[in-house]
Amino acid sequence: MSKTFRLISLFSTVELVLHGIWEYTACGFLYSMEGQGFIEHQLLMIQATIGDVFIALGLFLMLAFVNHSFSWFLKNWERKDYIISTLYSALAAFYFEAHALQLGRWEYQDTMPLVYGTSIALVPVIQLALLLPLGFIITKKIYQIT
């Protein structure tokens, strides 16, 4: 198996686990899923988790392009890596939340904190800002062990 394929597969798996845990944890008490049956809810959770993995892969590919290497994150991060990750995370969260709200895929419960001056929840912004870099860190640790 090539090093690049191994890194991408490992990163995708790590992000799948991280986002799966987050989605199932946060959605239970911060999102309103009224009117959805069990299967509809499970399908939405699976779609959201897989969507998060594709968002993470987009960042992975963007940073691989900028750094001219698929294994860039195995080294120390540079300032541009942090800036790109933060901006990408925030923009992706805002876009996908606004899109889902417009389509009526979900609603927020009263307990959901919003980004000041917007109708977008703070939680998905934090989710992507934390879990995308954490996925790189965990992948790096696992890769170095194996």
N, C-alpha and C. Protein backbone atom coordinates (compact mmCIF):
# COMPACT_ATOMS: atom_id res chain seq x y z
N MET A 1 0.85 -1.17 0.00
CA MET A 1 0.00 0.00 0.00
C MET A 1 0.91 1.24 0.00
N SER A 2 0.59 2.20 -0.85
CA SER A 2 1.43 3.39 -0.94
C SER A 2 1.27 4.24 0.33
N LYS A 3 2.32 5.02 0.61
CA LYS A 3 2.32 5.89 1.79
C LYS A 3 1.17 6.89 1.73
N THR A 4 0.92 7.47 0.56
CA THR A 4 -0.15 8.46 0.40
C THR A 4 -1.51 7.84 0.67
N PHE A 5 -1.79 6.69 0.07
CA PHE A 5 -3.08 6.02 0.27
C PHE A 5 -3.26 5.64 1.74
N ARG A 6 -2.18 5.18 2.35
CA ARG A 6 -2.23 4.80 3.76
C ARG A 6 -2.54 6.01 4.64
N LEU A 7 -1.89 7.15 4.37
CA LEU A 7 -2.15 8.37 5.14
C LEU A 7 -3.59 8.85 4.98
N ILE A 8 -4.06 8.86 3.75
CA ILE A 8 -5.43 9.33 3.49
C ILE A 8 -6.45 8.39 4.13
N SER A 9 -6.22 7.09 4.03
CA SER A 9 -7.14 6.11 4.63
C SER A 9 -7.15 6.23 6.16
N LEU A 10 -5.98 6.35 6.73
CA LEU A 10 -5.88 6.48 8.19
C LEU A 10 -6.53 7.78 8.66
N PHE A 11 -6.24 8.88 7.98
CA PHE A 11 -6.83 10.17 8.33
C PHE A 11 -8.36 10.11 8.22
N SER A 12 -8.87 9.52 7.14
CA SER A 12 -10.32 9.41 6.94
C SER A 12 -10.98 8.60 8.06
N THR A 13 -10.33 7.52 8.45
CA THR A 13 -10.86 6.67 9.52
C THR A 13 -10.88 7.42 10.85
N VAL A 14 -9.80 8.11 11.15
CA VAL A 14 -9.73 8.89 12.39
C VAL A 14 -10.82 9.96 12.41
N GLU A 15 -10.97 10.68 11.30
CA GLU A 15 -12.00 11.72 11.23
C GLU A 15 -13.40 11.12 11.32
N LEU A 16 -13.62 9.95 10.73
CA LEU A 16 -14.92 9.28 10.81
C LEU A 16 -15.28 8.99 12.26
N VAL A 17 -14.34 8.48 13.02
CA VAL A 17 -14.58 8.16 14.42
C VAL A 17 -14.83 9.44 15.23
N LEU A 18 -13.96 10.43 15.06
CA LEU A 18 -14.10 11.69 15.81
C LEU A 18 -15.44 12.38 15.53
N HIS A 19 -15.78 12.51 14.26
CA HIS A 19 -17.01 13.21 13.90
C HIS A 19 -18.24 12.38 14.23
N GLY A 20 -18.13 11.07 14.13
CA GLY A 20 -19.25 10.21 14.51
C GLY A 20 -19.59 10.38 15.99
N ILE A 21 -18.56 10.37 16.82
CA ILE A 21 -18.78 10.57 18.27
C ILE A 21 -19.38 11.96 18.51
N TRP A 22 -18.83 12.97 17.85
CA TRP A 22 -19.32 14.35 18.05
C TRP A 22 -20.77 14.48 17.61
N GLU A 23 -21.08 13.99 16.42
CA GLU A 23 -22.44 14.13 15.88
C GLU A 23 -23.47 13.48 16.80
N TYR A 24 -23.19 12.26 17.22
CA TYR A 24 -24.15 11.56 18.07
C TYR A 24 -24.26 12.20 19.45
N THR A 25 -23.18 12.81 19.93
CA THR A 25 -23.22 13.46 21.23
C THR A 25 -23.94 14.80 21.16
N ALA A 26 -23.54 15.66 20.24
CA ALA A 26 -24.09 17.02 20.16
C ALA A 26 -25.54 17.04 19.67
N CYS A 27 -25.86 16.18 18.73
CA CYS A 27 -27.21 16.23 18.14
C CYS A 27 -28.29 15.85 19.13
N GLY A 28 -27.96 15.07 20.12
CA GLY A 28 -28.96 14.64 21.08
C GLY A 28 -29.55 15.77 21.91
N PHE A 29 -28.76 16.78 22.23
CA PHE A 29 -29.28 17.82 23.11
C PHE A 29 -29.19 19.24 22.56
N LEU A 30 -28.58 19.43 21.39
CA LEU A 30 -28.47 20.78 20.84
C LEU A 30 -29.28 21.00 19.57
N TYR A 31 -29.66 19.92 18.91
CA TYR A 31 -30.44 20.03 17.68
C TYR A 31 -31.83 19.47 17.92
N SER A 32 -32.80 20.04 17.24
CA SER A 32 -34.17 19.55 17.33
C SER A 32 -34.44 18.69 16.10
N MET A 33 -34.74 17.44 16.31
CA MET A 33 -35.00 16.52 15.22
C MET A 33 -36.44 16.02 15.28
N GLU A 34 -37.33 16.89 15.70
CA GLU A 34 -38.73 16.52 15.85
C GLU A 34 -39.32 16.06 14.52
N GLY A 35 -40.15 15.06 14.60
CA GLY A 35 -40.82 14.55 13.42
C GLY A 35 -40.03 13.50 12.68
N GLN A 36 -38.81 13.23 13.12
CA GLN A 36 -38.01 12.20 12.46
C GLN A 36 -38.13 10.88 13.21
N GLY A 37 -38.27 9.83 12.45
CA GLY A 37 -38.26 8.51 13.03
C GLY A 37 -36.83 8.06 13.31
N PHE A 38 -36.71 6.90 13.91
CA PHE A 38 -35.39 6.37 14.27
C PHE A 38 -34.50 6.23 13.04
N ILE A 39 -35.02 5.63 11.98
CA ILE A 39 -34.21 5.39 10.78
C ILE A 39 -33.84 6.71 10.11
N GLU A 40 -34.78 7.64 10.04
CA GLU A 40 -34.47 8.95 9.45
C GLU A 40 -33.36 9.65 10.24
N HIS A 41 -33.43 9.56 11.55
CA HIS A 41 -32.42 10.18 12.40
C HIS A 41 -31.05 9.52 12.17
N GLN A 42 -31.04 8.20 12.11
CA GLN A 42 -29.76 7.49 11.89
C GLN A 42 -29.16 7.84 10.53
N LEU A 43 -30.00 7.92 9.52
CA LEU A 43 -29.50 8.29 8.19
C LEU A 43 -28.94 9.71 8.18
N LEU A 44 -29.59 10.61 8.88
CA LEU A 44 -29.09 11.98 8.96
C LEU A 44 -27.75 12.03 9.69
N MET A 45 -27.61 11.26 10.76
CA MET A 45 -26.35 11.22 11.51
C MET A 45 -25.22 10.64 10.64
N ILE A 46 -25.52 9.59 9.89
CA ILE A 46 -24.53 8.98 9.01
C ILE A 46 -24.13 9.97 7.91
N GLN A 47 -25.12 10.64 7.31
CA GLN A 47 -24.83 11.63 6.27
C GLN A 47 -24.00 12.77 6.83
N ALA A 48 -24.33 13.25 8.00
CA ALA A 48 -23.59 14.36 8.62
C ALA A 48 -22.14 13.94 8.90
N THR A 49 -21.97 12.73 9.41
CA THR A 49 -20.63 12.25 9.72
C THR A 49 -19.80 12.07 8.46
N ILE A 50 -20.38 11.47 7.45
CA ILE A 50 -19.65 11.28 6.18
C ILE A 50 -19.37 12.64 5.54
N GLY A 51 -20.31 13.56 5.63
CA GLY A 51 -20.07 14.91 5.13
C GLY A 51 -18.90 15.57 5.84
N ASP A 52 -18.81 15.38 7.15
CA ASP A 52 -17.69 15.93 7.91
C ASP A 52 -16.36 15.32 7.46
N VAL A 53 -16.37 14.04 7.15
CA VAL A 53 -15.14 13.39 6.66
C VAL A 53 -14.73 14.00 5.32
N PHE A 54 -15.69 14.26 4.45
CA PHE A 54 -15.35 14.89 3.17
C PHE A 54 -14.85 16.32 3.36
N ILE A 55 -15.39 17.04 4.33
CA ILE A 55 -14.88 18.37 4.66
C ILE A 55 -13.42 18.25 5.12
N ALA A 56 -13.16 17.27 5.96
CA ALA A 56 -11.79 17.04 6.44
C ALA A 56 -10.86 16.67 5.29
N LEU A 57 -11.33 15.82 4.38
CA LEU A 57 -10.50 15.45 3.22
C LEU A 57 -10.23 16.65 2.33
N GLY A 58 -11.19 17.56 2.22
CA GLY A 58 -10.98 18.78 1.45
C GLY A 58 -9.84 19.61 2.05
N LEU A 59 -9.84 19.73 3.38
CA LEU A 59 -8.76 20.46 4.05
C LEU A 59 -7.44 19.72 3.86
N PHE A 60 -7.46 18.41 3.99
CA PHE A 60 -6.25 17.60 3.81
C PHE A 60 -5.65 17.86 2.43
N LEU A 61 -6.49 17.81 1.40
CA LEU A 61 -6.00 18.01 0.03
C LEU A 61 -5.53 19.45 -0.20
N MET A 62 -6.23 20.40 0.37
CA MET A 62 -5.84 21.81 0.23
C MET A 62 -4.46 22.04 0.84
N LEU A 63 -4.26 21.52 2.05
CA LEU A 63 -2.98 21.70 2.71
C LEU A 63 -1.88 20.87 2.05
N ALA A 64 -2.22 19.73 1.50
CA ALA A 64 -1.23 18.94 0.75
C ALA A 64 -0.77 19.72 -0.48
N PHE A 65 -1.70 20.38 -1.14
CA PHE A 65 -1.37 21.20 -2.31
C PHE A 65 -0.48 22.38 -1.91
N VAL A 66 -0.86 23.08 -0.88
CA VAL A 66 -0.10 24.25 -0.42
C VAL A 66 1.31 23.85 0.03
N ASN A 67 1.42 22.69 0.66
CA ASN A 67 2.71 22.23 1.19
C ASN A 67 3.47 21.31 0.22
N HIS A 68 2.89 21.03 -0.94
CA HIS A 68 3.52 20.19 -1.97
C HIS A 68 3.86 18.79 -1.45
N SER A 69 3.01 18.29 -0.54
CA SER A 69 3.27 16.96 0.03
C SER A 69 2.01 16.43 0.71
N PHE A 70 1.74 15.16 0.51
CA PHE A 70 0.61 14.53 1.20
C PHE A 70 0.95 14.20 2.65
N SER A 71 2.22 14.23 2.98
CA SER A 71 2.63 13.90 4.35
C SER A 71 3.09 15.14 5.12
N TRP A 72 2.61 16.29 4.70
CA TRP A 72 3.03 17.56 5.31
C TRP A 72 2.79 17.60 6.81
N PHE A 73 1.71 17.00 7.26
CA PHE A 73 1.36 17.10 8.68
C PHE A 73 2.18 16.18 9.57
N LEU A 74 3.02 15.33 8.96
CA LEU A 74 3.91 14.50 9.76
C LEU A 74 5.09 15.32 10.29
N LYS A 75 5.25 16.49 9.73
CA LYS A 75 6.28 17.44 10.19
C LYS A 75 5.60 18.49 11.06
N ASN A 76 6.36 19.49 11.49
CA ASN A 76 5.78 20.57 12.28
C ASN A 76 4.94 21.48 11.39
N TRP A 77 3.84 21.97 11.94
CA TRP A 77 2.96 22.87 11.21
C TRP A 77 3.60 24.25 11.11
N GLU A 78 3.32 24.92 10.02
CA GLU A 78 3.73 26.31 9.85
C GLU A 78 2.51 27.19 10.10
N ARG A 79 2.75 28.48 10.24
CA ARG A 79 1.68 29.43 10.52
C ARG A 79 0.56 29.33 9.47
N LYS A 80 0.93 29.19 8.20
CA LYS A 80 -0.08 29.13 7.14
C LYS A 80 -1.00 27.92 7.31
N ASP A 81 -0.48 26.83 7.85
CA ASP A 81 -1.31 25.64 8.07
C ASP A 81 -2.40 25.91 9.11
N TYR A 82 -2.03 26.62 10.17
CA TYR A 82 -3.01 26.99 11.20
C TYR A 82 -4.04 27.97 10.65
N ILE A 83 -3.59 28.95 9.90
CA ILE A 83 -4.49 29.96 9.35
C ILE A 83 -5.48 29.33 8.36
N ILE A 84 -4.96 28.51 7.45
CA ILE A 84 -5.83 27.84 6.46
C ILE A 84 -6.83 26.93 7.17
N SER A 85 -6.37 26.17 8.16
CA SER A 85 -7.27 25.26 8.89
C SER A 85 -8.38 26.02 9.60
N THR A 86 -8.03 27.11 10.26
CA THR A 86 -9.02 27.88 11.00
C THR A 86 -10.04 28.52 10.07
N LEU A 87 -9.56 29.18 9.02
CA LEU A 87 -10.49 29.82 8.08
C LEU A 87 -11.36 28.81 7.35
N TYR A 88 -10.77 27.73 6.90
CA TYR A 88 -11.51 26.67 6.21
C TYR A 88 -12.58 26.09 7.12
N SER A 89 -12.22 25.81 8.36
CA SER A 89 -13.17 25.23 9.32
C SER A 89 -14.36 26.16 9.53
N ALA A 90 -14.08 27.43 9.75
CA ALA A 90 -15.16 28.39 9.99
C ALA A 90 -16.04 28.55 8.76
N LEU A 91 -15.43 28.69 7.60
CA LEU A 91 -16.23 28.86 6.37
C LEU A 91 -17.06 27.62 6.05
N ALA A 92 -16.46 26.45 6.21
CA ALA A 92 -17.20 25.21 5.95
C ALA A 92 -18.37 25.07 6.92
N ALA A 93 -18.13 25.34 8.19
CA ALA A 93 -19.20 25.23 9.18
C ALA A 93 -20.33 26.19 8.88
N PHE A 94 -20.01 27.44 8.58
CA PHE A 94 -21.04 28.43 8.26
C PHE A 94 -21.83 28.01 7.03
N TYR A 95 -21.13 27.59 6.00
CA TYR A 95 -21.81 27.22 4.76
C TYR A 95 -22.76 26.05 4.96
N PHE A 96 -22.25 24.97 5.53
CA PHE A 96 -23.08 23.76 5.65
C PHE A 96 -24.21 23.93 6.66
N GLU A 97 -23.98 24.68 7.73
CA GLU A 97 -25.06 24.94 8.68
C GLU A 97 -26.16 25.79 8.03
N ALA A 98 -25.77 26.85 7.35
CA ALA A 98 -26.76 27.72 6.69
C ALA A 98 -27.54 26.93 5.65
N HIS A 99 -26.85 26.09 4.90
CA HIS A 99 -27.50 25.28 3.87
C HIS A 99 -28.49 24.30 4.50
N ALA A 100 -28.08 23.62 5.56
CA ALA A 100 -28.96 22.64 6.22
C ALA A 100 -30.17 23.33 6.86
N LEU A 101 -29.95 24.49 7.44
CA LEU A 101 -31.07 25.22 8.04
C LEU A 101 -32.06 25.67 6.97
N GLN A 102 -31.54 26.13 5.86
CA GLN A 102 -32.40 26.58 4.76
C GLN A 102 -33.23 25.42 4.20
N LEU A 103 -32.62 24.24 4.12
CA LEU A 103 -33.33 23.06 3.61
C LEU A 103 -34.26 22.45 4.66
N GLY A 104 -34.13 22.89 5.90
CA GLY A 104 -34.96 22.33 6.97
C GLY A 104 -34.52 20.96 7.42
N ARG A 105 -33.25 20.64 7.25
CA ARG A 105 -32.73 19.34 7.67
C ARG A 105 -32.75 19.21 9.19
N TRP A 106 -32.53 20.33 9.86
CA TRP A 106 -32.62 20.34 11.31
C TRP A 106 -32.86 21.76 11.80
N GLU A 107 -33.17 21.83 13.08
CA GLU A 107 -33.35 23.11 13.76
C GLU A 107 -32.54 23.06 15.04
N TYR A 108 -32.33 24.22 15.62
CA TYR A 108 -31.59 24.28 16.88
C TYR A 108 -32.56 24.32 18.05
N GLN A 109 -32.17 23.67 19.14
CA GLN A 109 -32.92 23.82 20.37
C GLN A 109 -32.52 25.14 21.02
N ASP A 110 -33.27 25.56 21.99
CA ASP A 110 -32.99 26.83 22.68
C ASP A 110 -31.63 26.82 23.38
N THR A 111 -31.13 25.64 23.70
CA THR A 111 -29.84 25.53 24.40
C THR A 111 -28.64 25.73 23.47
N MET A 112 -28.86 25.76 22.16
CA MET A 112 -27.76 25.89 21.20
C MET A 112 -27.24 27.32 21.19
N PRO A 113 -25.96 27.52 21.51
CA PRO A 113 -25.40 28.87 21.42
C PRO A 113 -25.16 29.25 19.95
N LEU A 114 -25.44 30.50 19.63
CA LEU A 114 -25.27 30.99 18.26
C LEU A 114 -24.04 31.90 18.17
N VAL A 115 -23.45 31.94 16.99
CA VAL A 115 -22.37 32.89 16.73
C VAL A 115 -23.00 34.27 16.79
N TYR A 116 -22.40 35.17 17.52
CA TYR A 116 -22.97 36.49 17.75
C TYR A 116 -23.33 37.16 16.43
N GLY A 117 -24.57 37.63 16.35
CA GLY A 117 -25.04 38.37 15.18
C GLY A 117 -25.46 37.51 14.00
N THR A 118 -25.50 36.18 14.20
CA THR A 118 -25.91 35.29 13.11
C THR A 118 -26.96 34.31 13.62
N SER A 119 -27.49 33.52 12.70
CA SER A 119 -28.40 32.45 13.07
C SER A 119 -27.70 31.09 13.01
N ILE A 120 -26.36 31.12 12.93
CA ILE A 120 -25.55 29.90 12.83
C ILE A 120 -25.06 29.50 14.21
N ALA A 121 -25.14 28.20 14.49
CA ALA A 121 -24.72 27.68 15.79
C ALA A 121 -23.20 27.74 15.95
N LEU A 122 -22.78 28.00 17.16
CA LEU A 122 -21.37 28.03 17.50
C LEU A 122 -20.76 26.63 17.56
N VAL A 123 -21.56 25.65 17.93
CA VAL A 123 -21.07 24.29 18.14
C VAL A 123 -20.43 23.68 16.88
N PRO A 124 -21.06 23.74 15.69
CA PRO A 124 -20.40 23.15 14.53
C PRO A 124 -19.13 23.89 14.11
N VAL A 125 -19.05 25.18 14.40
CA VAL A 125 -17.82 25.92 14.12
C VAL A 125 -16.71 25.40 15.02
N ILE A 126 -17.03 25.24 16.29
CA ILE A 126 -16.06 24.68 17.24
C ILE A 126 -15.70 23.25 16.85
N GLN A 127 -16.71 22.48 16.45
CA GLN A 127 -16.48 21.09 16.05
C GLN A 127 -15.41 21.00 14.98
N LEU A 128 -15.59 21.73 13.90
CA LEU A 128 -14.62 21.64 12.81
C LEU A 128 -13.28 22.24 13.20
N ALA A 129 -13.30 23.34 13.95
CA ALA A 129 -12.04 23.98 14.35
C ALA A 129 -11.22 23.07 15.27
N LEU A 130 -11.88 22.23 16.05
CA LEU A 130 -11.18 21.32 16.95
C LEU A 130 -10.85 19.97 16.30
N LEU A 131 -11.86 19.38 15.66
CA LEU A 131 -11.69 18.00 15.20
C LEU A 131 -10.83 17.86 13.95
N LEU A 132 -10.82 18.86 13.08
CA LEU A 132 -9.97 18.74 11.89
C LEU A 132 -8.49 18.69 12.28
N PRO A 133 -7.98 19.65 13.07
CA PRO A 133 -6.58 19.54 13.48
C PRO A 133 -6.31 18.33 14.38
N LEU A 134 -7.27 18.01 15.26
CA LEU A 134 -7.09 16.84 16.12
C LEU A 134 -6.95 15.57 15.28
N GLY A 135 -7.69 15.49 14.19
CA GLY A 135 -7.56 14.34 13.30
C GLY A 135 -6.16 14.21 12.73
N PHE A 136 -5.54 15.34 12.38
CA PHE A 136 -4.16 15.31 11.88
C PHE A 136 -3.20 14.85 12.98
N ILE A 137 -3.40 15.34 14.19
CA ILE A 137 -2.52 14.98 15.31
C ILE A 137 -2.63 13.49 15.62
N ILE A 138 -3.85 12.98 15.71
CA ILE A 138 -4.04 11.56 16.03
C ILE A 138 -3.51 10.69 14.90
N THR A 139 -3.76 11.09 13.65
CA THR A 139 -3.25 10.33 12.51
C THR A 139 -1.73 10.28 12.54
N LYS A 140 -1.10 11.40 12.84
CA LYS A 140 0.37 11.46 12.93
C LYS A 140 0.88 10.49 13.99
N LYS A 141 0.23 10.49 15.16
CA LYS A 141 0.65 9.59 16.25
C LYS A 141 0.49 8.13 15.85
N ILE A 142 -0.65 7.78 15.28
CA ILE A 142 -0.89 6.40 14.87
C ILE A 142 0.09 5.99 13.77
N TYR A 143 0.31 6.88 12.81
CA TYR A 143 1.22 6.59 11.70
C TYR A 143 2.63 6.34 12.19
N GLN A 144 3.08 7.10 13.18
CA GLN A 144 4.43 6.95 13.71
C GLN A 144 4.59 5.65 14.50
N ILE A 145 3.50 5.19 15.08
CA ILE A 145 3.54 3.93 15.86
C ILE A 145 3.62 2.72 14.93
N THR A 146 2.85 2.79 13.82
CA THR A 146 2.77 1.62 12.94
C THR A 146 3.87 1.56 11.93
